[in-house]
Amino acid sequence: MKFLRLFVVSLIFTFSCLDYGFSFDGLHWNDPTDSKPFFPWLWEDQFKPTIVKGFDETGARIIVGGLMASAIAGTQDDKVHEYTMNHQVMSDDWRQLGAMLGSGGPGVILAASQLWWDQPAGLQAFRAMALTTLTHVTLAASINRTRPTGDRGWSWPSGHTSNAFAIATSFAYSYGPWVGTAAFTTATFIGASRIASQVHWLSDTVAAAALGFYWGRASAMVTRGDKDPISFYPVPVPGGLIVNYSKSF
């Protein structure tokens, strides 16, 4: 909830100032609202198109594939949890780093920075994070799954992991495979740190990865229009999972 408050305050503070275009040292702030009232612009030009464009054939596959992958991962939840209890798979410092990176603060800072040097990508990242956070809070509160520690709910899906994958997907669409590879590697590390910290089940992070990727892609579709040059989604197969990837030229 600390991240949610931080994100909402940062979002409102950032965009509430959009009508005051200014420049300094050659840096000019372009008002993306085109003087449109903030909240109507936020819904009509940002959130609504993302929701509409996201739920296409590929989006549906991501949702279904993510749910199936989470269900498959769920069969290994107890084994993975038992292993993390009996083995130190990650040091305390690495676990704390993963918690910090996935807390939301770094993502907000990155997106806010993008608003200055790459505004379309910054708006894309904010849309992805906002809708991922809203979906995560809704699902986690409704399902209220007990965490591996047994003393807290809101386990499925992982909020840290979902936002990490939302940002990673946005970066992959904005800056290509090299940046995307680094971003997805970081997101995977964040998910692994949540499992190693025993605050999430394996299936929590798998579902969260699909959730973040779904909204990251959906937000990118708004930026790019109807063109979706990158398409990949999880496909469960007997005994495991494969990732289907394609790129149009």
Protein backbone atom coordinates (compact mmCIF):
# COMPACT_ATOMS: atom_id res chain seq x y z
CA MET A 1 0.00 0.00 0.00
CA LYS A 2 2.96 2.34 0.50
CA PHE A 3 3.81 1.94 -3.17
CA LEU A 4 0.22 2.58 -4.22
CA ARG A 5 0.12 5.84 -2.27
CA LEU A 6 3.50 6.87 -3.65
CA PHE A 7 2.45 6.06 -7.18
CA VAL A 8 -0.88 7.90 -7.01
CA VAL A 9 0.67 10.98 -5.42
CA SER A 10 3.50 11.00 -7.98
CA LEU A 11 1.09 10.53 -10.88
CA ILE A 12 -1.25 13.32 -9.78
CA PHE A 13 1.61 15.67 -8.96
CA THR A 14 3.35 15.06 -12.28
CA PHE A 15 0.34 15.41 -14.54
CA SER A 16 -1.43 18.15 -12.61
CA CYS A 17 1.41 20.44 -13.70
CA LEU A 18 1.08 19.66 -17.41
CA ASP A 19 -0.70 22.91 -18.23
CA TYR A 20 2.37 24.89 -17.21
CA GLY A 21 4.62 24.26 -20.20
CA PHE A 22 8.07 25.73 -19.78
CA SER A 23 11.63 25.32 -20.99
CA PHE A 24 15.10 25.76 -19.57
CA ASP A 25 18.57 25.11 -20.95
CA GLY A 26 17.05 24.08 -24.25
CA LEU A 27 14.72 21.52 -22.64
CA HIS A 28 11.11 22.14 -23.55
CA TRP A 29 8.15 20.50 -21.83
CA ASN A 30 5.43 19.54 -24.28
CA ASP A 31 1.95 19.38 -22.81
CA PRO A 32 0.55 15.98 -23.88
CA THR A 33 -2.98 16.95 -22.79
CA ASP A 34 -3.14 19.68 -25.45
CA SER A 35 -4.81 21.87 -22.78
CA LYS A 36 -7.52 19.26 -22.20
CA PRO A 37 -8.75 18.91 -18.57
CA PHE A 38 -6.48 16.47 -16.78
CA PHE A 39 -8.86 13.77 -15.56
CA PRO A 40 -10.92 13.50 -18.79
CA TRP A 41 -7.62 13.33 -20.69
CA LEU A 42 -6.31 10.68 -18.29
CA TRP A 43 -9.32 8.43 -18.90
CA GLU A 44 -10.20 9.15 -22.53
CA ASP A 45 -6.70 9.43 -23.98
CA GLN A 46 -4.67 7.17 -21.69
CA PHE A 47 -6.51 4.50 -19.71
CA LYS A 48 -9.51 3.76 -21.92
CA PRO A 49 -7.51 3.20 -25.13
CA THR A 50 -5.10 0.95 -23.22
CA ILE A 51 -7.95 -1.19 -21.90
CA VAL A 52 -9.59 -1.41 -25.32
CA LYS A 53 -6.45 -2.12 -27.35
CA GLY A 54 -5.04 -4.58 -24.85
CA PHE A 55 -7.86 -7.08 -25.11
CA ASP A 56 -7.25 -8.43 -28.59
CA GLU A 57 -6.35 -11.96 -29.65
CA THR A 58 -2.80 -11.74 -28.36
CA GLY A 59 -3.97 -10.10 -25.14
CA ALA A 60 -6.46 -12.91 -24.57
CA ARG A 61 -3.70 -15.45 -25.12
CA ILE A 62 -1.52 -13.71 -22.56
CA ILE A 63 -4.32 -13.82 -19.98
CA VAL A 64 -5.22 -17.45 -20.62
CA GLY A 65 -1.59 -18.52 -20.91
CA GLY A 66 -0.70 -16.68 -17.72
CA LEU A 67 -3.52 -18.31 -15.76
CA MET A 68 -2.57 -21.76 -17.05
CA ALA A 69 1.10 -21.17 -16.33
CA SER A 70 0.25 -20.02 -12.80
CA ALA A 71 -1.85 -23.13 -12.28
CA ILE A 72 1.02 -25.35 -13.46
CA ALA A 73 3.46 -23.48 -11.23
CA GLY A 74 1.03 -23.94 -8.35
CA THR A 75 1.69 -27.67 -8.40
CA GLN A 76 5.29 -26.89 -7.43
CA ASP A 77 4.58 -24.19 -4.85
CA ASP A 78 5.14 -26.38 -1.81
CA LYS A 79 8.32 -27.92 -3.19
CA VAL A 80 9.82 -24.55 -4.06
CA HIS A 81 8.85 -23.10 -0.71
CA GLU A 82 10.34 -26.05 1.16
CA TYR A 83 13.55 -25.69 -0.82
CA THR A 84 13.86 -21.98 0.01
CA MET A 85 13.32 -22.79 3.68
CA ASN A 86 16.11 -25.37 3.72
CA HIS A 87 18.58 -23.59 1.44
CA GLN A 88 19.84 -20.04 1.24
CA VAL A 89 19.21 -19.46 -2.46
CA MET A 90 19.82 -15.73 -2.18
CA SER A 91 21.67 -13.58 0.36
CA ASP A 92 19.87 -11.04 2.53
CA ASP A 93 21.44 -8.20 0.58
CA TRP A 94 20.18 -9.53 -2.75
CA ARG A 95 16.69 -10.14 -1.33
CA GLN A 96 16.57 -6.58 0.01
CA LEU A 97 17.76 -5.26 -3.34
CA GLY A 98 14.98 -7.12 -5.12
CA ALA A 99 12.40 -5.77 -2.68
CA MET A 100 13.68 -2.24 -3.20
CA LEU A 101 13.77 -2.44 -6.99
CA GLY A 102 10.26 -3.89 -7.10
CA SER A 103 8.79 -1.50 -4.52
CA GLY A 104 7.55 0.86 -7.21
CA GLY A 105 9.68 3.87 -6.32
CA PRO A 106 12.42 3.15 -8.89
CA GLY A 107 9.79 2.54 -11.57
CA VAL A 108 8.06 5.83 -10.84
CA ILE A 109 11.39 7.64 -11.01
CA LEU A 110 12.24 6.01 -14.35
CA ALA A 111 8.86 6.85 -15.86
CA ALA A 112 8.96 10.40 -14.54
CA SER A 113 12.42 10.83 -16.07
CA GLN A 114 11.16 9.50 -19.37
CA LEU A 115 8.48 12.19 -19.40
CA TRP A 116 11.27 14.71 -19.92
CA TRP A 117 13.55 13.00 -22.44
CA ASP A 118 11.09 10.61 -24.11
CA GLN A 119 7.55 11.70 -23.30
CA PRO A 120 5.62 9.03 -25.29
CA ALA A 121 7.64 6.28 -23.59
CA GLY A 122 7.11 7.91 -20.20
CA LEU A 123 3.35 8.07 -20.68
CA GLN A 124 3.46 4.47 -21.87
CA ALA A 125 5.29 3.36 -18.73
CA PHE A 126 2.92 5.27 -16.43
CA ARG A 127 -0.14 3.72 -18.11
CA ALA A 128 1.34 0.26 -17.73
CA MET A 129 2.22 0.75 -14.06
CA ALA A 130 -1.08 2.38 -13.14
CA LEU A 131 -3.28 -0.32 -14.69
CA THR A 132 -1.02 -3.10 -13.41
CA THR A 133 -1.24 -1.68 -9.88
CA LEU A 134 -5.02 -1.29 -10.02
CA THR A 135 -5.45 -4.84 -11.33
CA HIS A 136 -3.03 -6.28 -8.80
CA VAL A 137 -4.73 -4.56 -5.86
CA THR A 138 -8.17 -5.69 -7.07
CA LEU A 139 -7.12 -9.31 -7.57
CA ALA A 140 -4.98 -9.55 -4.43
CA ALA A 141 -7.66 -8.06 -2.20
CA SER A 142 -10.42 -10.19 -3.73
CA ILE A 143 -8.54 -13.50 -3.62
CA ASN A 144 -6.61 -12.67 -0.42
CA ARG A 145 -4.37 -15.71 -0.72
CA THR A 146 -2.25 -16.48 2.34
CA ARG A 147 1.46 -15.92 1.88
CA PRO A 148 4.01 -18.70 2.45
CA THR A 149 4.73 -17.20 5.88
CA GLY A 150 1.11 -17.89 6.80
CA ASP A 151 0.54 -14.54 8.48
CA ARG A 152 -0.48 -12.25 5.61
CA GLY A 153 -2.83 -12.26 2.67
CA TRP A 154 -2.71 -10.47 -0.70
CA SER A 155 -0.26 -13.01 -2.04
CA TRP A 156 -1.60 -13.68 -5.57
CA PRO A 157 -0.38 -12.08 -7.74
CA SER A 158 2.88 -10.48 -6.61
CA GLY A 159 2.75 -6.70 -6.77
CA HIS A 160 6.52 -6.25 -6.92
CA THR A 161 6.83 -8.73 -9.78
CA SER A 162 3.87 -7.49 -11.78
CA ASN A 163 5.08 -3.89 -11.80
CA ALA A 164 8.63 -4.99 -12.63
CA PHE A 165 7.37 -6.87 -15.70
CA ALA A 166 5.10 -3.99 -16.71
CA ILE A 167 8.07 -1.64 -16.76
CA ALA A 168 10.29 -4.21 -18.48
CA THR A 169 7.70 -4.74 -21.22
CA SER A 170 7.28 -1.02 -21.74
CA PHE A 171 11.05 -0.60 -22.03
CA ALA A 172 11.30 -3.53 -24.45
CA TYR A 173 8.72 -1.97 -26.76
CA SER A 174 10.26 1.49 -26.49
CA TYR A 175 13.95 0.69 -26.84
CA GLY A 176 14.29 -2.72 -28.42
CA PRO A 177 15.57 -6.19 -27.49
CA TRP A 178 18.87 -5.21 -25.85
CA VAL A 179 17.27 -2.91 -23.31
CA GLY A 180 14.34 -5.32 -23.06
CA THR A 181 16.62 -8.24 -22.22
CA ALA A 182 18.24 -6.31 -19.37
CA ALA A 183 14.85 -5.11 -18.14
CA PHE A 184 13.29 -8.60 -18.19
CA THR A 185 16.35 -10.05 -16.47
CA THR A 186 15.93 -7.49 -13.70
CA ALA A 187 12.20 -8.24 -13.46
CA THR A 188 12.93 -11.97 -13.22
CA PHE A 189 15.44 -11.29 -10.45
CA ILE A 190 12.82 -9.28 -8.56
CA GLY A 191 10.34 -12.16 -8.84
CA ALA A 192 12.98 -14.66 -7.68
CA SER A 193 13.84 -12.44 -4.72
CA ARG A 194 10.20 -12.47 -3.61
CA ILE A 195 10.21 -16.27 -3.65
CA ALA A 196 13.57 -16.42 -1.87
CA SER A 197 12.23 -14.04 0.78
CA GLN A 198 9.32 -16.46 1.28
CA VAL A 199 6.73 -13.73 0.89
CA HIS A 200 5.32 -15.16 -2.35
CA TRP A 201 4.64 -18.54 -3.89
CA LEU A 202 6.10 -19.47 -7.26
CA SER A 203 2.64 -19.28 -8.83
CA ASP A 204 2.21 -15.73 -7.47
CA THR A 205 5.20 -14.51 -9.46
CA VAL A 206 4.26 -16.40 -12.62
CA ALA A 207 0.80 -14.85 -12.63
CA ALA A 208 2.33 -11.45 -11.86
CA ALA A 209 4.74 -11.71 -14.80
CA ALA A 210 1.84 -12.34 -17.17
CA LEU A 211 -0.15 -9.48 -15.63
CA GLY A 212 2.69 -7.01 -16.01
CA PHE A 213 3.42 -8.12 -19.55
CA TYR A 214 -0.24 -7.82 -20.49
CA TRP A 215 -0.56 -4.19 -19.41
CA GLY A 216 2.92 -3.28 -20.66
CA ARG A 217 2.02 -4.52 -24.13
CA ALA A 218 -1.44 -2.95 -24.00
CA SER A 219 0.06 0.43 -23.15
CA ALA A 220 2.59 0.09 -25.97
CA MET A 221 -0.25 -0.53 -28.40
CA VAL A 222 -1.62 2.93 -27.58
CA THR A 223 1.74 4.51 -28.36
CA ARG A 224 2.23 2.52 -31.56
CA GLY A 225 -1.36 2.53 -32.77
CA ASP A 226 -2.54 -0.82 -34.13
CA LYS A 227 0.97 -1.98 -35.04
CA ASP A 228 2.35 -4.63 -32.70
CA PRO A 229 5.75 -5.68 -34.06
CA ILE A 230 6.59 -7.83 -31.05
CA SER A 231 4.42 -10.65 -29.84
CA PHE A 232 5.30 -13.29 -27.29
CA TYR A 233 3.26 -15.10 -24.71
CA PRO A 234 3.49 -18.20 -22.51
CA VAL A 235 2.08 -21.48 -23.84
CA PRO A 236 1.71 -24.36 -21.37
CA VAL A 237 2.82 -27.74 -22.72
CA PRO A 238 2.89 -31.18 -21.07
CA GLY A 239 5.55 -31.08 -18.40
CA GLY A 240 6.39 -27.42 -18.70
CA LEU A 241 5.99 -24.12 -20.49
CA ILE A 242 7.28 -22.59 -23.71
CA VAL A 243 7.27 -18.97 -24.84
CA ASN A 244 5.97 -18.20 -28.32
CA TYR A 245 7.81 -15.21 -29.85
CA SER A 246 7.35 -13.42 -33.15
CA LYS A 247 8.49 -10.14 -34.71
CA SER A 248 7.04 -8.52 -37.78
CA PHE A 249 9.16 -6.53 -40.22
